[in-house]
Structures are given as structure tokens and as C-alpha cells.
Amino acid sequence: MESTQRFSVRVENYVRHRPGYPREILELLRERYGLTRDPEIADVGSGTGALARMFLENGNRVYGVEPNAEMRWAGERLLAAFPRFTSVEATAEATTLPDRSADFVTAGQAFHWFDPGPARREFGRILKPGGRVVLVWNARRKERTGFLGAYERLLETHGTDYGEVNHGRRGSAGKTKDFFAPMPVEEWTFGNAQRLDLAGLKGRVLSSSYVPAEGEPGCAEMLADLEDVFSRYQDGGAVTVRYDTRVYVGMLRDGR
């Protein structure tokens, strides 16, 4: 499936059951990279607005660039209270934003879907001199013991193209360094977690593009196995999904 359409039928689960981002990201950008209320943000692949919300709450003007209609509409609905949010129907490779209009270009849980060469040229075009690119992922921990190991095995068993998508994400660190080269990139990691009951865990799984959607072949079997995993590992009626939130910050060639 085309990457821009992968989440069309998963929007509500995405909104309700995907993890947010640690507030330490804002603290990092304030203390090390000069983020204040003034810089303008181009949040590319903005989806339902989880990362954009952090910057809007900081007082920034944010342009949410999102090609998927259903995800974009959800973001517009969820961020309607923020007058400094502008929704943009466009892609990472052609944002339609003016030249040198953004102090920061950000992407949360999205960079691995971009075409790196054209996206890099586009980011360089829209960044102001001295501007930075900030790439963020919630990388789920995959310990092979206990709940996290059982959850990983379930995805490997029932995923439609989990191996392919997972391989792309595993290679994101290398792709990220190539994206910024020859400029250096700084990497930061913060802990993150979700505490989910059974309904929340089902929603979290169904928000992923690499498993069968509700009503598709294999979905019922996957959810039955998920209930078994939950019953074996729940504690007090919930399980904990743990993440390492990885943040990459850098400038592009020629200061853009």
C-alpha cells in the first residue's frame, strides 16, 4: 500500500492509543537549540498532531504538513483550539511552504516513510539559515522476555508486512545520518511508556499499519492471541508498553 494511505482506516485507533512524546523534547530544544515561543515550525508528516501539539502548547506557530486526508482531518479536529496551527495538504517532498519560512522542520514517527533525497532538498529549501531538522521516533522496546517479548512475537506472527516495515525502522539511524551528511547530527534518547488495559492494547495493535485491520482476514485470530498474551502478563488489569523516544537534531549543508 502507498505509504500516504496506510493509516486511512486506522485513524481513530491512532488518535486514542498511540503514545505521546516526552516533554523532555521541548526542554532539550529550549536549552540546547534556542527554542522559544517565536520560532515557526514545519511539522512534516504531522498525522493527527501529536508532535505539533507540543509546539503549539509552547506558543509556536506550526504548519502541519500531512498528505493523508483522514489523518489530516483528525489533526485539524484535535488542534482546532490552537489558532497558530495551519493544516497543509502536502508531502515531505513537496511541502508547498515558502522558501526559508521555518526555523525548525520536525517529523514525528514519519521520517521512515519519506523519500530521503527529495525530502532533504525540500527541507533545505524551507529552512531559514541556521534552522534545524528534528526527527523523532517512539521506538518500542523488544525485550525477548515477559510481555514485551510475547508482544513482539505476536507481531512477527500476524503482521502483514511487519518485517519489511520493521527493517526500515531499524535502518532509520543509518538513514538519518546519511540524511544530514556531511553535517553532524546529535542523538538523544528519553524513556517513554504506556499503561494499557485490554481495550487499549487492542487499539494500540490495530493502530499499526503492518497488521490486519478490523474485518480483514487474520484480524480475529490476531486479537484472540493478543487476549491470551494480555491474560498471561497483565498486572492489575493492565500491561506496560515501553519505548525509547529517539530524537535526532541537525542542520543541513550550507546552514540550511
Protein backbone atom coordinates (compact mmCIF):
# COMPACT_ATOMS: atom_id res chain seq x y z
CA MET A 1 0.00 0.00 0.00
CA GLU A 2 1.19 3.52 -0.76
CA SER A 3 2.72 4.98 2.40
CA THR A 4 0.46 8.03 2.39
CA GLN A 5 -2.65 5.81 2.56
CA ARG A 6 -1.54 3.17 5.07
CA PHE A 7 -3.32 4.72 8.05
CA SER A 8 -6.62 5.77 6.44
CA VAL A 9 -8.70 3.10 8.21
CA ARG A 10 -6.74 3.31 11.48
CA VAL A 11 -7.16 6.94 12.41
CA GLU A 12 -9.37 6.60 15.49
CA ASN A 13 -7.19 3.89 16.99
CA TYR A 14 -4.16 6.03 16.17
CA VAL A 15 -5.66 9.03 17.95
CA ARG A 16 -6.73 7.11 21.03
CA HIS A 17 -4.00 4.55 21.50
CA ARG A 18 -0.66 5.79 20.16
CA PRO A 19 1.83 7.09 22.75
CA GLY A 20 2.57 10.77 23.03
CA TYR A 21 6.04 12.28 23.23
CA PRO A 22 8.02 13.10 26.38
CA ARG A 23 8.09 16.72 27.45
CA GLU A 24 11.85 16.42 27.74
CA ILE A 25 11.97 17.03 23.98
CA LEU A 26 10.82 20.61 24.50
CA GLU A 27 13.27 21.08 27.33
CA LEU A 28 16.09 19.80 25.12
CA LEU A 29 15.19 22.13 22.26
CA ARG A 30 14.87 25.09 24.60
CA GLU A 31 18.14 24.56 26.44
CA ARG A 32 20.36 23.42 23.58
CA TYR A 33 18.84 24.70 20.35
CA GLY A 34 17.25 28.03 21.27
CA LEU A 35 13.58 27.11 21.03
CA THR A 36 11.35 29.90 22.35
CA ARG A 37 7.77 30.90 21.51
CA ASP A 38 8.95 32.77 18.41
CA PRO A 39 10.30 30.10 16.01
CA GLU A 40 7.95 28.79 13.34
CA ILE A 41 7.69 25.02 12.97
CA ALA A 42 7.03 22.94 9.88
CA ASP A 43 5.83 19.59 11.25
CA VAL A 44 6.08 17.25 8.29
CA GLY A 45 4.03 14.06 8.26
CA SER A 46 2.10 15.65 11.10
CA GLY A 47 -0.61 12.98 11.13
CA THR A 48 -3.09 13.52 13.95
CA GLY A 49 -0.94 16.25 15.51
CA ALA A 50 0.74 14.57 18.49
CA LEU A 51 4.10 16.27 17.96
CA ALA A 52 2.58 19.50 16.65
CA ARG A 53 0.58 19.85 19.89
CA MET A 54 3.77 20.08 21.95
CA PHE A 55 4.97 23.08 19.95
CA LEU A 56 1.56 24.72 19.90
CA GLU A 57 1.38 24.44 23.68
CA ASN A 58 4.80 26.11 23.72
CA GLY A 59 3.28 29.04 21.83
CA ASN A 60 4.84 28.37 18.42
CA ARG A 61 3.19 28.76 15.04
CA VAL A 62 3.02 25.29 13.48
CA TYR A 63 2.38 24.27 9.89
CA GLY A 64 1.20 20.65 9.90
CA VAL A 65 2.09 19.08 6.55
CA GLU A 66 0.15 15.84 6.01
CA PRO A 67 -0.78 14.06 2.75
CA ASN A 68 -3.30 11.57 4.18
CA ALA A 69 -6.77 13.10 4.24
CA GLU A 70 -8.15 11.11 7.17
CA MET A 71 -5.10 11.75 9.35
CA ARG A 72 -5.06 15.42 8.39
CA TRP A 73 -8.75 15.87 9.21
CA ALA A 74 -8.21 14.24 12.61
CA GLY A 75 -5.32 16.62 13.30
CA GLU A 76 -7.43 19.60 12.29
CA ARG A 77 -10.18 18.48 14.66
CA LEU A 78 -7.88 17.78 17.59
CA LEU A 79 -5.90 21.01 17.18
CA ALA A 80 -8.85 23.28 16.39
CA ALA A 81 -8.38 25.18 19.67
CA PHE A 82 -4.93 26.41 18.59
CA PRO A 83 -5.19 29.49 16.34
CA ARG A 84 -1.49 29.23 15.47
CA PHE A 85 -1.94 25.87 13.75
CA THR A 86 -2.20 25.74 9.97
CA SER A 87 -3.03 22.46 8.23
CA VAL A 88 -1.30 21.89 4.89
CA GLU A 89 -2.25 19.19 2.39
CA ALA A 90 1.17 18.27 1.01
CA THR A 91 4.07 15.82 1.26
CA ALA A 92 7.55 15.83 2.73
CA GLU A 93 8.97 16.00 -0.77
CA ALA A 94 6.83 18.99 -1.80
CA THR A 95 5.53 20.84 1.27
CA THR A 96 4.24 23.92 -0.69
CA LEU A 97 5.64 26.13 2.12
CA PRO A 98 7.55 29.31 1.16
CA ASP A 99 11.33 29.41 0.87
CA ARG A 100 13.13 29.94 4.19
CA SER A 101 9.93 30.01 6.20
CA ALA A 102 10.67 27.53 9.03
CA ASP A 103 13.05 27.77 11.98
CA PHE A 104 12.61 24.05 12.69
CA VAL A 105 11.43 21.23 10.46
CA THR A 106 10.14 18.36 12.59
CA ALA A 107 8.87 14.86 11.89
CA GLY A 108 7.38 12.55 14.49
CA GLN A 109 7.13 8.84 13.66
CA ALA A 110 7.22 9.70 9.97
CA PHE A 111 10.73 10.08 8.51
CA HIS A 112 10.98 6.40 7.50
CA TRP A 113 8.09 6.99 5.06
CA PHE A 114 9.85 9.88 3.28
CA ASP A 115 11.89 9.70 0.09
CA PRO A 116 15.16 10.95 1.66
CA GLY A 117 16.74 12.75 -1.30
CA PRO A 118 13.76 14.87 -2.36
CA ALA A 119 12.76 15.44 1.29
CA ARG A 120 16.24 16.67 2.13
CA ARG A 121 16.20 19.15 -0.73
CA GLU A 122 12.75 20.35 0.30
CA PHE A 123 13.71 20.75 3.95
CA GLY A 124 16.78 22.71 2.88
CA ARG A 125 14.56 24.98 0.80
CA ILE A 126 12.06 25.80 3.55
CA LEU A 127 14.52 26.11 6.45
CA LYS A 128 15.75 29.54 7.45
CA PRO A 129 19.53 29.99 7.68
CA GLY A 130 20.65 28.32 10.89
CA GLY A 131 17.44 26.30 11.13
CA ARG A 132 17.41 22.70 12.28
CA VAL A 133 15.70 19.44 11.43
CA VAL A 134 14.29 17.44 14.37
CA LEU A 135 13.37 13.79 13.75
CA VAL A 136 11.55 11.88 16.50
CA TRP A 137 10.55 8.24 16.97
CA ASN A 138 8.90 6.29 19.75
CA ALA A 139 10.84 3.04 19.33
CA ARG A 140 9.09 0.21 21.14
CA ARG A 141 11.41 -1.88 23.27
CA LYS A 142 11.56 -5.52 22.17
CA GLU A 143 12.94 -7.47 25.09
CA ARG A 144 12.56 -11.19 24.46
CA THR A 145 11.33 -11.95 27.96
CA GLY A 146 7.93 -11.32 29.50
CA PHE A 147 5.23 -9.20 27.94
CA LEU A 148 7.36 -7.19 25.51
CA GLY A 149 8.86 -10.36 24.04
CA ALA A 150 5.45 -12.01 23.67
CA TYR A 151 4.07 -8.86 22.05
CA GLU A 152 6.96 -8.81 19.54
CA ARG A 153 6.40 -12.48 18.66
CA LEU A 154 2.70 -11.78 18.09
CA LEU A 155 3.54 -9.03 15.59
CA GLU A 156 6.02 -11.27 13.82
CA THR A 157 3.36 -13.99 13.56
CA HIS A 158 0.38 -11.89 12.48
CA GLY A 159 1.97 -8.88 10.78
CA THR A 160 1.14 -8.40 7.11
CA ASP A 161 4.43 -6.67 6.25
CA TYR A 162 5.84 -6.18 9.75
CA GLY A 163 9.28 -7.47 8.78
CA GLU A 164 9.60 -5.00 5.93
CA VAL A 165 8.40 -2.01 7.93
CA ASN A 166 10.42 -3.03 10.98
CA HIS A 167 13.56 -3.39 8.88
CA GLY A 168 13.03 0.11 7.54
CA ARG A 169 12.74 1.48 11.06
CA ARG A 170 15.81 -0.43 12.26
CA GLY A 171 17.74 1.24 9.49
CA SER A 172 16.47 4.68 10.41
CA ALA A 173 19.56 5.60 12.43
CA GLY A 174 21.82 4.99 9.47
CA LYS A 175 19.41 6.67 7.07
CA THR A 176 19.22 9.63 9.43
CA LYS A 177 22.98 10.12 9.48
CA ASP A 178 23.05 9.86 5.69
CA PHE A 179 20.23 12.42 5.51
CA PHE A 180 22.25 15.01 7.41
CA ALA A 181 25.67 14.18 5.91
CA PRO A 182 28.15 15.76 5.70
CA MET A 183 26.76 17.80 8.60
CA PRO A 184 26.83 16.18 12.07
CA VAL A 185 23.67 15.01 13.81
CA GLU A 186 23.11 14.80 17.57
CA GLU A 187 21.07 11.94 19.02
CA TRP A 188 19.15 11.93 22.29
CA THR A 189 17.05 9.21 23.94
CA PHE A 190 14.27 9.56 26.51
CA GLY A 191 12.21 6.89 28.25
CA ASN A 192 8.50 6.67 27.46
CA ALA A 193 5.71 4.23 28.35
CA GLN A 194 2.01 3.43 28.01
CA ARG A 195 -0.09 1.65 30.61
CA LEU A 196 -2.91 -0.10 28.69
CA ASP A 197 -5.93 -2.19 29.59
CA LEU A 198 -7.10 -4.88 27.15
CA ALA A 199 -9.17 -2.48 25.05
CA GLY A 200 -6.26 -0.05 24.90
CA LEU A 201 -3.82 -2.80 23.90
CA LYS A 202 -6.12 -3.92 21.11
CA GLY A 203 -6.41 -0.35 19.91
CA ARG A 204 -2.63 0.07 20.04
CA VAL A 205 -2.12 -3.01 17.87
CA LEU A 206 -4.85 -2.02 15.42
CA SER A 207 -3.32 1.45 15.02
CA SER A 208 -0.32 -0.16 13.30
CA SER A 209 -0.23 -0.27 9.51
CA TYR A 210 1.54 -3.64 9.37
CA VAL A 211 -1.20 -5.82 10.95
CA PRO A 212 -4.63 -6.84 9.61
CA ALA A 213 -7.25 -4.13 10.09
CA GLU A 214 -10.60 -4.89 11.69
CA GLY A 215 -12.64 -7.07 9.33
CA GLU A 216 -9.63 -8.20 7.32
CA PRO A 217 -8.52 -11.85 7.17
CA GLY A 218 -6.39 -12.78 10.14
CA CYS A 219 -7.53 -9.96 12.41
CA ALA A 220 -9.80 -12.09 14.63
CA GLU A 221 -7.06 -14.66 15.14
CA MET A 222 -4.55 -11.95 15.98
CA LEU A 223 -6.85 -10.36 18.57
CA ALA A 224 -7.57 -13.76 20.13
CA ASP A 225 -3.83 -14.34 20.54
CA LEU A 226 -3.46 -10.83 21.90
CA GLU A 227 -6.08 -11.56 24.58
CA ASP A 228 -4.04 -14.61 25.57
CA VAL A 229 -0.87 -12.53 25.81
CA PHE A 230 -2.69 -9.94 27.90
CA SER A 231 -4.14 -12.53 30.29
CA ARG A 232 -0.69 -14.03 30.88
CA TYR A 233 1.12 -10.76 31.56
CA GLN A 234 -1.43 -8.26 32.88
CA ASP A 235 -0.86 -6.81 36.30
CA GLY A 236 -3.79 -5.07 37.93
CA GLY A 237 -5.77 -5.22 34.69
CA ALA A 238 -3.13 -3.57 32.50
CA VAL A 239 0.21 -4.06 30.77
CA THR A 240 3.01 -1.60 30.11
CA VAL A 241 4.40 -0.92 26.65
CA ARG A 242 7.82 0.70 26.97
CA TYR A 243 9.55 2.89 24.40
CA ASP A 244 12.83 4.65 23.81
CA THR A 245 11.97 8.03 22.30
CA ARG A 246 14.84 8.86 19.95
CA VAL A 247 15.46 12.42 18.88
CA TYR A 248 17.86 13.41 16.09
CA VAL A 249 18.75 17.10 15.65
CA GLY A 250 20.94 18.58 12.97
CA MET A 251 21.47 21.23 10.33
CA LEU A 252 21.69 20.65 6.60
CA ARG A 253 24.51 21.66 4.28
CA ASP A 254 25.20 25.37 3.86
CA GLY A 255 23.46 26.09 7.17
CA ARG A 256 20.07 25.08 5.81
